[in-house]
Protein backbone atom coordinates (compact mmCIF):
# COMPACT_ATOMS: atom_id res chain seq x y z
CA MET A 1 -2.70 55.51 45.55
CA GLN A 2 -3.86 55.84 41.94
CA THR A 3 -7.00 54.12 40.80
CA LEU A 4 -6.99 51.62 37.92
CA SER A 5 -8.76 54.11 35.62
CA ALA A 6 -6.16 56.77 36.44
CA LEU A 7 -3.34 54.36 35.65
CA LEU A 8 -4.99 53.40 32.35
CA LYS A 9 -5.48 57.06 31.49
CA GLU A 10 -1.85 57.81 32.29
CA GLY A 11 -0.71 54.87 30.15
CA THR A 12 -2.86 56.00 27.24
CA THR A 13 -1.47 59.53 27.45
CA ALA A 14 2.08 58.17 27.46
CA MET A 15 1.30 55.97 24.47
CA ILE A 16 -0.18 58.87 22.48
CA ASN A 17 2.93 60.94 23.08
CA SER A 18 5.33 58.15 22.15
CA LYS A 19 7.23 57.69 18.86
CA ASP A 20 5.73 54.21 18.44
CA TYR A 21 2.21 55.62 18.50
CA PHE A 22 2.93 58.16 15.77
CA GLN A 23 4.47 55.40 13.63
CA ILE A 24 1.30 53.34 14.10
CA LEU A 25 -0.81 56.38 13.20
CA GLU A 26 1.23 56.98 10.03
CA GLN A 27 0.82 53.32 9.09
CA VAL A 28 -2.95 53.49 9.51
CA LYS A 29 -3.13 56.77 7.54
CA LYS A 30 -1.12 55.15 4.73
CA HIS A 31 -3.56 52.22 4.57
CA ILE A 32 -6.53 54.61 4.44
CA LEU A 33 -5.00 56.77 1.70
CA ASN A 34 -4.04 53.71 -0.36
CA ALA A 35 -7.57 52.34 -0.03
CA GLN A 36 -9.04 55.70 -1.06
CA TYR A 37 -6.72 55.86 -4.08
CA ARG A 38 -7.64 52.32 -5.13
CA ALA A 39 -11.33 53.15 -4.74
CA VAL A 40 -10.98 56.27 -6.94
CA LEU A 41 -8.89 54.38 -9.47
CA GLY A 42 -11.35 51.49 -9.46
CA ALA A 43 -14.32 53.80 -9.93
CA ASN A 44 -12.57 55.57 -12.80
CA ARG A 45 -11.71 52.23 -14.42
CA GLU A 46 -15.32 51.06 -14.20
CA GLN A 47 -16.58 54.34 -15.65
CA ILE A 48 -14.13 54.25 -18.59
CA LEU A 49 -14.99 50.63 -19.35
CA LEU A 50 -18.71 51.45 -19.16
CA TYR A 51 -18.28 54.34 -21.61
CA TRP A 52 -16.35 52.10 -23.99
CA ASN A 53 -19.08 49.43 -23.90
CA ILE A 54 -21.77 52.04 -24.56
CA GLY A 55 -19.66 53.27 -27.48
CA ARG A 56 -19.59 49.76 -28.92
CA VAL A 57 -23.38 49.48 -28.61
CA ILE A 58 -23.76 52.78 -30.49
CA ILE A 59 -21.45 51.58 -33.28
CA GLU A 60 -23.37 48.31 -33.58
CA ASN A 61 -26.64 50.22 -34.03
CA THR A 62 -25.72 52.93 -36.51
CA LYS A 63 -28.43 51.50 -38.80
CA TYR A 64 -30.98 53.50 -36.78
CA GLY A 65 -29.71 56.74 -38.29
CA THR A 66 -28.41 60.09 -37.14
CA LYS A 67 -31.06 60.65 -34.46
CA PHE A 68 -30.22 57.44 -32.63
CA VAL A 69 -27.69 59.05 -30.26
CA GLU A 70 -30.02 61.97 -29.41
CA ASN A 71 -32.90 59.57 -28.69
CA LEU A 72 -30.65 57.37 -26.57
CA ALA A 73 -29.45 60.35 -24.51
CA ARG A 74 -33.06 61.47 -23.93
CA ASP A 75 -34.22 58.02 -22.84
CA ILE A 76 -31.24 57.44 -20.53
CA LYS A 77 -32.05 60.77 -18.88
CA SER A 78 -35.66 59.62 -18.46
CA GLU A 79 -34.66 56.29 -16.90
CA PHE A 80 -31.83 57.70 -14.74
CA PRO A 81 -32.74 61.35 -14.01
CA ASN A 82 -29.90 61.81 -11.49
CA ALA A 83 -27.20 60.24 -13.64
CA LYS A 84 -24.63 62.53 -15.24
CA GLY A 85 -22.38 62.00 -18.24
CA TYR A 86 -24.92 60.68 -20.75
CA SER A 87 -25.58 63.74 -22.87
CA ALA A 88 -25.69 63.32 -26.64
CA ARG A 89 -22.28 65.00 -26.82
CA ASN A 90 -20.75 62.56 -24.34
CA LEU A 91 -22.36 59.58 -26.08
CA LYS A 92 -20.69 60.68 -29.31
CA TYR A 93 -17.35 60.70 -27.48
CA MET A 94 -18.08 57.15 -26.31
CA ARG A 95 -18.60 56.09 -29.91
CA LYS A 96 -15.37 57.82 -30.92
CA PHE A 97 -13.63 56.00 -28.03
CA ALA A 98 -14.78 52.58 -29.21
CA GLU A 99 -13.79 53.40 -32.79
CA LEU A 100 -10.30 54.61 -31.86
CA VAL A 101 -9.51 51.88 -29.28
CA PRO A 102 -11.17 48.62 -30.40
CA ASP A 103 -9.10 46.40 -28.04
CA GLU A 104 -10.74 45.92 -24.62
CA GLU A 105 -7.42 44.92 -23.05
CA LYS A 106 -5.91 48.28 -24.04
CA VAL A 107 -8.96 50.01 -22.59
CA GLN A 108 -8.42 48.33 -19.22
CA THR A 109 -4.62 48.65 -19.06
CA VAL A 110 -4.17 52.10 -20.62
CA SER A 111 -7.33 54.13 -21.23
CA ALA A 112 -8.78 53.33 -17.80
CA LEU A 113 -5.72 54.86 -16.12
CA LEU A 114 -6.59 58.26 -17.62
CA THR A 115 -9.41 60.55 -16.60
CA TRP A 116 -12.32 60.89 -19.00
CA SER A 117 -11.25 64.50 -19.64
CA HIS A 118 -7.79 63.31 -20.76
CA ASN A 119 -9.40 60.69 -22.97
CA MET A 120 -11.85 63.09 -24.60
CA TYR A 121 -9.04 65.50 -25.42
CA LEU A 122 -7.06 62.70 -27.08
CA PHE A 123 -10.13 61.52 -29.03
CA ASP A 124 -10.35 65.02 -30.50
CA LYS A 125 -6.66 65.61 -31.13
CA THR A 126 -5.20 62.26 -32.24
CA SER A 127 -5.88 60.68 -35.59
CA THR A 128 -4.48 57.15 -35.19
CA PHE A 129 -4.51 54.41 -32.58
CA ASP A 130 -0.69 54.55 -32.27
CA GLU A 131 -0.70 58.28 -31.63
CA TYR A 132 -3.45 57.95 -29.01
CA MET A 133 -1.63 55.10 -27.24
CA TRP A 134 1.67 56.99 -27.21
CA TYR A 135 0.19 60.10 -25.64
CA ALA A 136 -1.83 57.98 -23.19
CA ALA A 137 1.27 56.04 -22.09
CA GLN A 138 3.32 59.23 -21.72
CA THR A 139 0.54 60.84 -19.68
CA ILE A 140 0.46 57.89 -17.30
CA GLU A 141 4.25 57.69 -16.95
CA GLY A 142 4.75 61.42 -16.52
CA ALA A 143 1.57 61.99 -14.49
CA TRP A 144 0.67 64.78 -16.94
CA SER A 145 -2.12 67.12 -16.00
CA LEU A 146 -4.61 67.99 -18.72
CA SER A 147 -2.76 71.26 -19.38
CA SER A 148 0.54 69.38 -19.72
CA LEU A 149 -1.07 66.98 -22.18
CA GLU A 150 -2.43 69.93 -24.16
CA TYR A 151 1.07 71.42 -24.32
CA HIS A 152 2.63 68.22 -25.65
CA VAL A 153 -0.11 67.61 -28.19
CA GLY A 154 -0.04 71.25 -29.25
CA THR A 155 3.74 71.13 -29.88
CA LYS A 156 3.40 67.79 -31.72
CA THR A 157 5.62 65.88 -29.30
CA TYR A 158 4.56 62.55 -30.82
CA GLN A 159 5.78 63.61 -34.26
CA ARG A 160 9.02 65.05 -32.83
CA GLN A 161 9.84 62.30 -30.34
CA ALA A 162 8.16 59.06 -31.37
CA ILE A 163 8.46 59.17 -35.17
CA GLY A 164 10.85 62.05 -35.89
CA GLU A 165 14.17 61.50 -37.70
CA LYS A 166 16.94 61.33 -35.11
CA ALA A 167 20.70 61.59 -35.46
CA ALA A 168 22.45 59.80 -32.58
CA ASN A 169 24.97 57.04 -31.91
CA TYR A 170 23.15 55.81 -28.79
CA LYS A 171 22.51 52.32 -30.21
CA VAL A 172 26.23 51.77 -30.73
CA MET A 173 27.56 53.49 -27.63
CA LEU A 174 25.04 52.45 -24.97
CA PRO A 175 23.94 49.04 -23.67
CA GLN A 176 20.30 47.99 -23.61
CA PRO A 177 17.88 49.07 -22.26
CA GLN A 178 19.55 52.50 -21.82
CA SER A 179 20.16 52.92 -25.55
CA SER A 180 16.47 52.46 -26.40
CA LEU A 181 15.39 54.77 -23.57
CA ALA A 182 17.87 57.43 -24.69
CA ILE A 183 16.63 57.29 -28.29
CA GLU A 184 13.01 57.46 -27.10
CA THR A 185 13.84 60.53 -24.99
CA LEU A 186 15.47 62.45 -27.88
CA LYS A 187 13.31 64.90 -29.85
CA ASN A 188 13.81 66.68 -33.15
CA PRO A 189 13.27 69.55 -33.09
CA TYR A 190 13.01 70.80 -29.52
CA ILE A 191 10.47 73.60 -29.12
CA PHE A 192 11.39 76.44 -26.76
CA ASP A 193 8.47 78.68 -27.64
CA PHE A 194 8.88 80.67 -24.42
CA VAL A 195 12.16 82.11 -25.75
CA GLU A 196 11.74 85.04 -28.14
CA GLN A 197 13.41 84.67 -31.54
CA ARG A 198 14.98 88.04 -32.28
CA GLU A 199 17.67 89.33 -34.58
CA GLY A 200 21.17 89.04 -33.15
CA ILE A 201 20.26 86.73 -30.25
CA VAL A 202 23.31 84.83 -29.03
CA GLU A 203 23.70 81.41 -27.44
CA ARG A 204 24.24 82.73 -23.92
CA GLU A 205 21.00 84.74 -24.09
CA ILE A 206 19.07 81.65 -25.16
CA GLU A 207 20.71 79.65 -22.38
CA ASP A 208 19.80 82.29 -19.79
CA GLU A 209 16.15 82.18 -20.95
CA LEU A 210 16.10 78.39 -20.67
CA VAL A 211 17.44 78.57 -17.12
CA ALA A 212 15.09 81.42 -16.14
CA ASN A 213 12.19 79.24 -17.33
CA ILE A 214 13.64 75.96 -16.09
CA ALA A 215 10.25 74.34 -15.36
CA LYS A 216 9.19 74.90 -18.99
CA THR A 217 12.60 73.74 -20.22
CA ILE A 218 12.32 70.51 -18.26
CA MET A 219 8.77 69.97 -19.51
CA GLU A 220 10.10 70.15 -23.07
CA LEU A 221 13.14 67.94 -22.36
CA GLY A 222 10.94 65.20 -20.94
CA THR A 223 10.34 62.90 -18.00
CA GLY A 224 13.12 62.42 -15.45
CA PHE A 225 15.26 65.51 -16.14
CA ALA A 226 16.67 67.23 -13.05
CA PHE A 227 18.59 70.49 -13.46
CA VAL A 228 22.15 70.46 -12.07
CA GLY A 229 23.50 73.76 -13.39
CA ASN A 230 24.43 75.96 -16.33
CA GLN A 231 27.92 77.11 -17.26
CA TYR A 232 28.95 74.20 -15.04
CA HIS A 233 32.64 74.60 -14.23
CA LEU A 234 35.19 71.85 -14.81
CA GLU A 235 38.92 72.36 -14.22
CA ILE A 236 41.16 70.13 -16.33
CA SER A 237 44.96 70.51 -16.33
CA GLU A 238 44.61 73.92 -14.68
CA LYS A 239 42.32 75.15 -17.45
CA ASP A 240 38.68 76.16 -17.04
CA TYR A 241 35.85 74.63 -19.06
CA TYR A 242 32.15 75.39 -18.82
CA LEU A 243 29.27 73.10 -19.78
CA ASP A 244 26.29 75.00 -21.20
CA LEU A 245 23.63 72.92 -19.38
CA LEU A 246 24.06 69.94 -17.10
CA PHE A 247 21.17 67.67 -16.09
CA TYR A 248 20.75 64.34 -14.34
CA ASN A 249 18.07 62.00 -15.70
CA THR A 250 16.46 59.81 -13.05
CA LYS A 251 14.91 57.58 -15.70
CA LEU A 252 18.19 56.95 -17.56
CA HIS A 253 20.28 57.14 -14.35
CA CYS A 254 22.98 59.29 -15.90
CA TYR A 255 24.25 62.82 -16.39
CA ILE A 256 23.16 64.60 -19.56
CA VAL A 257 25.30 67.39 -20.99
CA ILE A 258 23.52 69.77 -23.38
CA GLU A 259 25.53 72.06 -25.62
CA LEU A 260 23.65 74.90 -27.32
CA LYS A 261 24.72 76.29 -30.71
CA ASN A 262 22.97 79.17 -32.45
CA THR A 263 24.32 78.01 -35.83
CA GLU A 264 23.95 75.00 -38.09
CA PHE A 265 25.63 71.80 -36.90
CA LYS A 266 29.37 71.50 -37.52
CA PRO A 267 31.29 68.22 -37.07
CA GLU A 268 33.79 69.79 -34.67
CA TYR A 269 30.95 70.40 -32.18
CA ALA A 270 30.71 66.64 -31.63
CA GLY A 271 34.41 66.40 -30.76
CA LYS A 272 34.13 69.08 -28.09
CA LEU A 273 31.06 67.45 -26.53
CA ASN A 274 32.86 64.08 -26.61
CA PHE A 275 35.63 65.72 -24.55
CA TYR A 276 33.13 67.10 -22.04
CA LEU A 277 31.45 63.70 -21.60
CA SER A 278 34.81 62.04 -20.91
CA ALA A 279 35.46 64.63 -18.20
CA VAL A 280 31.98 64.25 -16.64
CA ASP A 281 32.30 60.46 -16.58
CA ASP A 282 35.66 60.75 -14.85
CA MET A 283 34.90 63.61 -12.45
CA LEU A 284 31.16 63.45 -11.66
CA LYS A 285 29.79 60.02 -12.58
CA HIS A 286 29.24 57.64 -9.67
CA GLU A 287 30.00 53.94 -10.13
CA SER A 288 26.25 53.23 -9.94
CA ASP A 289 25.49 55.72 -12.75
CA ASN A 290 25.13 54.79 -16.40
CA PRO A 291 27.43 56.40 -19.00
CA SER A 292 26.80 60.12 -19.45
CA ILE A 293 24.91 61.27 -22.56
CA GLY A 294 25.37 64.34 -24.72
CA ILE A 295 22.80 66.32 -26.70
CA LEU A 296 23.86 68.96 -29.22
CA LEU A 297 21.11 71.49 -29.87
CA CYS A 298 21.72 73.41 -33.08
CA LYS A 299 19.74 75.98 -35.02
CA GLU A 300 19.94 73.71 -38.08
CA ARG A 301 21.07 70.12 -38.57
CA ASP A 302 21.81 68.07 -41.66
CA LYS A 303 21.08 64.48 -40.63
CA LEU A 304 23.70 62.84 -42.87
CA THR A 305 26.44 65.25 -41.78
CA ALA A 306 25.58 64.59 -38.13
CA GLU A 307 25.63 60.82 -38.66
CA TYR A 308 29.09 60.97 -40.27
CA ALA A 309 30.38 63.19 -37.48
CA LEU A 310 29.15 60.77 -34.80
CA ARG A 311 30.32 57.56 -36.49
CA ASP A 312 33.75 57.38 -34.79
CA ILE A 313 32.87 59.36 -31.68
CA HIS A 314 33.35 57.24 -28.55
CA LYS A 315 30.71 58.84 -26.33
CA PRO A 316 26.91 58.69 -26.74
CA ILE A 317 25.75 61.89 -28.46
CA GLY A 318 22.55 62.98 -30.17
CA VAL A 319 22.17 65.98 -32.49
CA SER A 320 18.87 67.83 -32.75
CA GLU A 321 17.54 71.16 -33.94
CA TYR A 322 15.64 73.60 -31.75
CA ARG A 323 13.00 76.23 -32.44
CA LEU A 324 12.31 79.51 -30.65
CA SER A 325 9.16 81.60 -30.66
CA ASP A 326 8.51 84.00 -33.53
CA PHE A 327 7.33 86.47 -30.94
CA VAL A 328 5.90 89.92 -31.64
CA PRO A 329 5.78 92.19 -28.53
CA GLN A 330 2.20 93.08 -27.59
CA GLU A 331 2.85 96.81 -27.76
CA LEU A 332 4.14 96.35 -31.32
CA ALA A 333 1.29 94.01 -32.24
CA ASP A 334 -1.23 96.59 -31.02
CA ALA A 335 0.46 99.24 -33.17
CA LEU A 336 0.28 97.15 -36.35
CA PRO A 337 -2.77 97.78 -38.55
CA SER A 338 -5.25 94.95 -39.00
CA THR A 339 -5.89 93.28 -42.37
CA GLU A 340 -9.22 95.11 -42.61
CA ALA A 341 -7.57 98.46 -41.93
CA ILE A 342 -4.93 97.84 -44.60
CA GLU A 343 -7.61 96.91 -47.14
CA LYS A 344 -9.60 100.05 -46.29
CA ARG A 345 -6.56 102.27 -46.82
CA ILE A 346 -5.87 100.67 -50.22
CA LYS A 347 -9.50 101.05 -51.31
CA ASP A 348 -9.63 104.67 -50.13
CA LYS A 349 -6.33 105.58 -51.78
CA TYR A 350 -6.98 103.96 -55.13
CA ASN A 351 -10.79 104.15 -55.14
CA ILE A 352 -11.13 100.36 -55.51
CA GLU A 353 -14.58 98.82 -55.21
CA ALA A 354 -15.14 95.99 -52.68
CA LYS A 355 -15.71 93.35 -55.38
CA ASP A 356 -12.48 94.40 -57.14
CA MET A 357 -10.62 94.15 -53.82
CA LYS A 358 -11.86 90.57 -53.40
CA ASN A 359 -10.66 89.71 -56.91
CA LEU A 360 -7.28 91.23 -56.09
CA ASN A 361 -6.97 89.11 -52.91
CA ASP A 362 -8.06 85.95 -54.74
CA SER A 363 -5.42 86.45 -57.41
CA GLN A 364 -2.56 86.66 -54.88
């Protein structure tokens, strides 16, 4: 006959090996992780708000001159020898923070959701409150790492996406809020700087490069894009048609067909894409999906011509330009002479003095 302790031990072992126990364990783990995340987020929020308040104090006391920040950093270090983050350099960032974002509510609801590293980068690289807020909001929504943020700032995504001139009929063809989201998603131009611009490059080669570097392509397209396929086959009336690039956007809840043209925009391109969108809506779109959207990417685009071409089109289409990299292969770059070497050859050949060479350069 088993003892009570043996029975309890047996019951505990059975419980540990049961499905119910593992569900309980997962529930407890979830609570712990959520609490840890809230603690980290709360600590970050308090730190960002503290830095902003210190920045305001510095602004209010600029009357003490240029050495004020250096003296403040020294005395904080003396009072709190183990505290980090109060160097003169960081204090100057705090002042810049308070100057750029004067609204405490925006600090708490936006700035505090970014790391201090993200914030410092934006203080350096943005020139207006609107630009800062746009990049901050996009970073939060897209969960951008610092390197991702650097990419988008470096390629001027704000100028291309938030304030760039766009040619699209989304407002007319799509209901709200999808129309506004679609317009916000569109860029002009798109920057595919990982694709080499070379003489004679054709559309299919560009497309292949975009697919081969699909992670970079999706980063440029924006939040929510999921790759479905390229040269996506549709059979209509026993004829074969191929979509250049097909995506699904989880933010817009619709298919997005991208047609790539290595020429300037022509009105007939819109008609063909309109045809493709009708087919996708009929053959692929689920009843829970929003209407499919088209994007025409052209080497060049006249905005007025594009607007006329889209006026009587019955499907939502946007027309944008794209840019490739003006890439010079490294082996060729290494073979090219430097500016200094070219100048030396000219001086040696024509016996030109250094001061005369400078005058020659200045006159060009």
